[in-house]
């Protein structure tokens, strides 16, 4: 089985587009479809034909390109059953624990509600890949719009339990803002301080900060670390539950 080719690029103002391509079969998947034109350009530049869209959730900046791309390529759109009515052109719905193959590569569906009520993430265990969209960001997590903080924390626990070597692709280039917040709740974390400096340098050069890895997030992302003693002490929440500490961190980020 050939190794998948992955191309990441910008869409809209801060969305990431991601294409997966299997050089043997020619199958090509887009992770969400933030807008059609940048995706069409990326496909044309590489001579790839879109065969699938893996939709993570219904927000417009993740599905706007669905219908135009489907009209052009006749691609199969896969997305969460809980949000099927709000996903244009959807062909196949998936739920927690579903498993399908893309060009022979297994894809596992993980329900990760919180940002939206039916958000899903796509995990490719044999390839060590996770497409987390707006649930997990580099040094952050999605704003809780339709779910609850408890739901979001439960979703993040699923993702942080994946192998540390897992490469994570996210929905947005939010890392600089996330880093500036993270140091306010985890100020003594030397690894975080070093990463924040690296991120400043990358963004000054207009370079992307993604992908990341589960290992890197476990060390530096406060939203994955509400059980960390230093964070708890800094917040004055040493006796709180992990869910309570997570909710406080999320609340602070919302006001940051």
Protein backbone atom coordinates (compact mmCIF):
# COMPACT_ATOMS: atom_id res chain seq x y z
CA UNK A 1 0.00 0.00 0.00
CA UNK A 2 1.41 3.37 -1.02
CA UNK A 3 1.98 6.13 1.48
CA UNK A 4 -0.64 8.84 1.23
CA UNK A 5 0.40 12.24 -0.07
CA UNK A 6 -0.89 15.14 2.05
CA UNK A 7 -1.18 18.72 0.90
CA UNK A 8 -2.15 21.47 3.37
CA UNK A 9 -2.99 25.00 2.24
CA UNK A 10 -4.98 28.04 3.32
CA UNK A 11 -8.64 28.74 2.57
CA UNK A 12 -10.74 31.76 3.46
CA UNK A 13 -8.89 33.94 6.00
CA UNK A 14 -7.62 31.31 8.44
CA UNK A 15 -9.07 27.90 7.49
CA UNK A 16 -6.80 25.06 6.50
CA UNK A 17 -7.57 22.99 3.45
CA UNK A 18 -6.14 19.46 3.49
CA UNK A 19 -6.04 17.00 0.59
CA UNK A 20 -5.18 13.31 0.94
CA UNK A 21 -4.07 11.54 -2.22
CA UNK A 22 -3.35 7.90 -2.90
CA UNK A 23 -0.88 7.72 -5.81
CA UNK A 24 -1.80 4.12 -6.67
CA UNK A 25 -5.58 4.43 -7.00
CA UNK A 26 -5.78 8.16 -7.66
CA UNK A 27 -8.36 8.57 -4.90
CA UNK A 28 -8.25 12.02 -3.33
CA UNK A 29 -10.11 13.27 -0.26
CA UNK A 30 -10.62 16.78 1.03
CA UNK A 31 -10.93 17.23 4.77
CA UNK A 32 -13.95 19.53 4.84
CA UNK A 33 -14.50 22.04 2.06
CA UNK A 34 -14.08 25.56 3.43
CA UNK A 35 -14.43 27.07 -0.06
CA UNK A 36 -14.22 25.62 -3.53
CA UNK A 37 -11.71 27.79 -5.37
CA UNK A 38 -8.55 27.12 -3.32
CA UNK A 39 -9.35 23.42 -3.31
CA UNK A 40 -9.88 23.41 -7.09
CA UNK A 41 -6.60 25.26 -7.55
CA UNK A 42 -4.72 22.78 -5.36
CA UNK A 43 -6.24 19.85 -7.23
CA UNK A 44 -5.49 21.35 -10.65
CA UNK A 45 -1.89 22.09 -9.72
CA UNK A 46 -1.34 18.44 -8.84
CA UNK A 47 -3.52 16.83 -11.45
CA UNK A 48 -5.66 15.17 -8.81
CA UNK A 49 -9.36 14.37 -9.08
CA UNK A 50 -11.46 14.73 -5.93
CA UNK A 51 -13.24 11.51 -4.98
CA UNK A 52 -14.26 12.18 -1.36
CA UNK A 53 -14.99 14.91 1.15
CA UNK A 54 -14.72 14.01 4.83
CA UNK A 55 -16.97 16.52 6.58
CA UNK A 56 -16.37 17.08 10.30
CA UNK A 57 -19.25 19.43 11.12
CA UNK A 58 -21.88 21.65 9.58
CA UNK A 59 -20.44 25.16 10.02
CA UNK A 60 -20.41 27.14 6.80
CA UNK A 61 -16.66 27.63 6.77
CA UNK A 62 -16.29 23.84 6.57
CA UNK A 63 -19.01 22.96 4.04
CA UNK A 64 -19.29 25.99 1.76
CA UNK A 65 -17.48 24.24 -1.08
CA UNK A 66 -19.40 20.96 -0.92
CA UNK A 67 -21.91 21.48 -3.68
CA UNK A 68 -19.55 23.10 -6.19
CA UNK A 69 -16.98 20.35 -5.70
CA UNK A 70 -19.59 17.62 -5.95
CA UNK A 71 -20.96 19.15 -9.13
CA UNK A 72 -17.47 19.24 -10.63
CA UNK A 73 -16.23 15.79 -9.56
CA UNK A 74 -19.21 13.75 -8.40
CA UNK A 75 -17.29 13.10 -5.17
CA UNK A 76 -18.75 11.19 -2.22
CA UNK A 77 -19.44 13.37 0.81
CA UNK A 78 -19.19 11.66 4.19
CA UNK A 79 -20.25 13.40 7.40
CA UNK A 80 -21.78 13.07 10.87
CA UNK A 81 -25.25 11.58 11.03
CA UNK A 82 -26.26 14.01 13.78
CA UNK A 83 -25.73 16.96 11.43
CA UNK A 84 -26.74 15.38 8.13
CA UNK A 85 -29.61 17.80 7.56
CA UNK A 86 -27.18 20.73 7.64
CA UNK A 87 -24.42 19.31 5.42
CA UNK A 88 -24.91 20.09 1.71
CA UNK A 89 -24.66 17.14 -0.65
CA UNK A 90 -24.00 14.52 2.02
CA UNK A 91 -24.05 10.93 0.72
CA UNK A 92 -23.01 8.82 3.67
CA UNK A 93 -23.47 9.40 7.38
CA UNK A 94 -21.18 8.12 10.12
CA UNK A 95 -21.31 7.75 13.89
CA UNK A 96 -18.96 6.90 16.75
CA UNK A 97 -17.03 3.71 16.09
CA UNK A 98 -17.78 3.51 12.37
CA UNK A 99 -14.86 2.36 10.27
CA UNK A 100 -14.46 2.68 6.52
CA UNK A 101 -11.57 2.60 4.08
CA UNK A 102 -10.08 5.27 1.87
CA UNK A 103 -7.92 3.79 -0.89
CA UNK A 104 -7.43 0.75 1.36
CA UNK A 105 -6.45 2.85 4.39
CA UNK A 106 -8.67 2.37 7.46
CA UNK A 107 -10.50 5.44 8.74
CA UNK A 108 -12.07 5.46 12.21
CA UNK A 109 -14.82 7.87 13.19
CA UNK A 110 -14.61 9.51 16.62
CA UNK A 111 -17.57 11.58 17.78
CA UNK A 112 -16.19 14.79 19.31
CA UNK A 113 -19.15 17.02 20.20
CA UNK A 114 -18.77 20.35 21.95
CA UNK A 115 -17.96 22.86 19.25
CA UNK A 116 -21.08 21.58 17.50
CA UNK A 117 -23.52 18.95 18.70
CA UNK A 118 -22.48 16.36 16.12
CA UNK A 119 -18.83 17.14 15.34
CA UNK A 120 -16.73 14.13 14.34
CA UNK A 121 -12.99 13.63 13.92
CA UNK A 122 -11.37 11.19 11.51
CA UNK A 123 -8.54 8.97 12.73
CA UNK A 124 -6.41 6.92 10.34
CA UNK A 125 -4.62 4.53 12.72
CA UNK A 126 -2.40 2.77 10.19
CA UNK A 127 -1.16 6.12 8.90
CA UNK A 128 -0.90 7.81 12.30
CA UNK A 129 -3.15 10.69 11.25
CA UNK A 130 -5.94 12.61 12.98
CA UNK A 131 -8.17 15.21 11.36
CA UNK A 132 -9.64 17.05 14.33
CA UNK A 133 -11.07 20.14 12.60
CA UNK A 134 -12.49 22.48 15.29
CA UNK A 135 -12.33 20.15 18.30
CA UNK A 136 -8.58 20.19 18.91
CA UNK A 137 -6.31 23.01 17.80
CA UNK A 138 -2.58 23.43 18.23
CA UNK A 139 -2.36 24.79 21.80
CA UNK A 140 -6.13 25.16 21.94
CA UNK A 141 -9.57 23.70 21.41
CA UNK A 142 -12.73 24.84 19.71
CA UNK A 143 -15.10 27.31 21.24
CA UNK A 144 -18.08 25.52 22.79
CA UNK A 145 -21.07 26.67 20.74
CA UNK A 146 -23.67 23.90 20.67
CA UNK A 147 -22.43 21.49 23.31
CA UNK A 148 -21.25 21.88 26.89
CA UNK A 149 -17.79 22.15 28.45
CA UNK A 150 -18.27 18.64 29.86
CA UNK A 151 -18.94 17.32 26.35
CA UNK A 152 -15.90 19.08 24.95
CA UNK A 153 -13.67 17.73 27.69
CA UNK A 154 -14.99 14.21 27.06
CA UNK A 155 -14.20 14.67 23.37
CA UNK A 156 -10.68 15.89 24.07
CA UNK A 157 -10.05 12.95 26.39
CA UNK A 158 -10.71 10.63 23.45
CA UNK A 159 -8.19 12.48 21.31
CA UNK A 160 -5.48 12.78 23.94
CA UNK A 161 -5.66 9.00 24.42
CA UNK A 162 -4.53 8.38 20.84
CA UNK A 163 -0.90 7.32 20.25
CA UNK A 164 1.50 10.14 21.05
CA UNK A 165 3.05 9.91 17.59
CA UNK A 166 -0.28 10.74 15.90
CA UNK A 167 0.04 13.66 13.48
CA UNK A 168 -2.80 16.14 13.97
CA UNK A 169 -4.35 18.36 11.31
CA UNK A 170 -6.73 21.06 12.56
CA UNK A 171 -9.27 23.36 10.98
CA UNK A 172 -7.73 26.79 11.57
CA UNK A 173 -4.50 28.71 11.94
CA UNK A 174 -5.21 29.91 15.48
CA UNK A 175 -1.93 28.83 17.04
CA UNK A 176 -0.39 32.23 17.71
CA UNK A 177 -3.43 33.49 19.61
CA UNK A 178 -3.67 30.17 21.41
CA UNK A 179 -0.01 30.36 22.45
CA UNK A 180 -0.43 33.86 23.84
CA UNK A 181 -3.33 32.62 25.94
CA UNK A 182 -1.74 29.32 26.99
CA UNK A 183 1.16 31.02 28.77
CA UNK A 184 -1.32 32.91 30.96
CA UNK A 185 -2.66 29.68 32.50
CA UNK A 186 0.57 27.65 32.36
CA UNK A 187 3.25 30.31 32.89
CA UNK A 188 6.00 28.06 34.27
CA UNK A 189 5.94 25.52 31.43
CA UNK A 190 9.35 25.85 29.76
CA UNK A 191 8.32 23.66 26.81
CA UNK A 192 5.34 25.92 26.21
CA UNK A 193 7.49 29.03 26.40
CA UNK A 194 9.89 27.61 23.83
CA UNK A 195 7.06 26.55 21.54
CA UNK A 196 5.43 29.97 21.81
CA UNK A 197 8.66 31.60 20.64
CA UNK A 198 8.90 29.20 17.71
CA UNK A 199 5.31 29.98 16.75
CA UNK A 200 5.99 33.71 16.78
CA UNK A 201 8.88 33.12 14.39
CA UNK A 202 6.82 30.93 12.06
CA UNK A 203 3.96 33.40 11.85
CA UNK A 204 6.30 36.35 11.31
CA UNK A 205 7.55 34.42 8.27
CA UNK A 206 3.95 33.65 7.23
CA UNK A 207 4.58 29.92 7.66
CA UNK A 208 1.96 27.46 8.98
CA UNK A 209 2.16 26.12 12.51
CA UNK A 210 0.45 22.84 11.61
CA UNK A 211 0.40 19.90 11.62
CA UNK A 212 1.14 19.15 15.25
CA UNK A 213 1.28 15.87 17.18
CA UNK A 214 -0.56 14.45 20.14
CA UNK A 215 2.80 14.25 21.94
CA UNK A 216 3.46 17.96 21.49
CA UNK A 217 -0.04 18.89 22.60
CA UNK A 218 0.16 16.70 25.70
CA UNK A 219 3.16 18.72 26.87
CA UNK A 220 2.06 22.23 25.92
CA UNK A 221 -1.70 22.48 25.31
CA UNK A 222 -3.49 23.51 28.53
CA UNK A 223 -6.84 22.29 27.21
CA UNK A 224 -5.50 18.73 27.23
CA UNK A 225 -3.92 19.17 30.67
CA UNK A 226 -6.54 20.18 33.27
CA UNK A 227 -5.10 17.42 35.47
CA UNK A 228 -1.70 19.15 35.55
CA UNK A 229 -0.77 20.15 39.10
CA UNK A 230 0.94 23.40 38.08
CA UNK A 231 -2.02 24.59 36.03
CA UNK A 232 -4.40 23.71 38.85
CA UNK A 233 -2.27 25.57 41.39
CA UNK A 234 -2.00 28.63 39.16
CA UNK A 235 -5.78 28.70 38.75
CA UNK A 236 -6.39 28.08 42.46
CA UNK A 237 -8.29 24.89 41.61
CA UNK A 238 -6.16 22.15 43.11
CA UNK A 239 -9.18 20.31 44.49
CA UNK A 240 -11.44 20.72 41.45
CA UNK A 241 -12.35 17.99 38.98
CA UNK A 242 -10.64 17.84 35.61
CA UNK A 243 -13.89 18.88 33.94
CA UNK A 244 -14.17 21.94 36.21
CA UNK A 245 -10.60 22.99 35.48
CA UNK A 246 -11.16 22.52 31.75
CA UNK A 247 -14.32 24.64 31.92
CA UNK A 248 -12.42 27.41 33.69
CA UNK A 249 -9.64 27.38 31.09
CA UNK A 250 -12.21 27.48 28.27
CA UNK A 251 -14.05 30.35 29.97
CA UNK A 252 -10.84 32.33 30.34
CA UNK A 253 -9.98 31.78 26.69
CA UNK A 254 -13.44 33.01 25.67
CA UNK A 255 -12.73 36.28 27.51
CA UNK A 256 -9.07 36.58 26.49
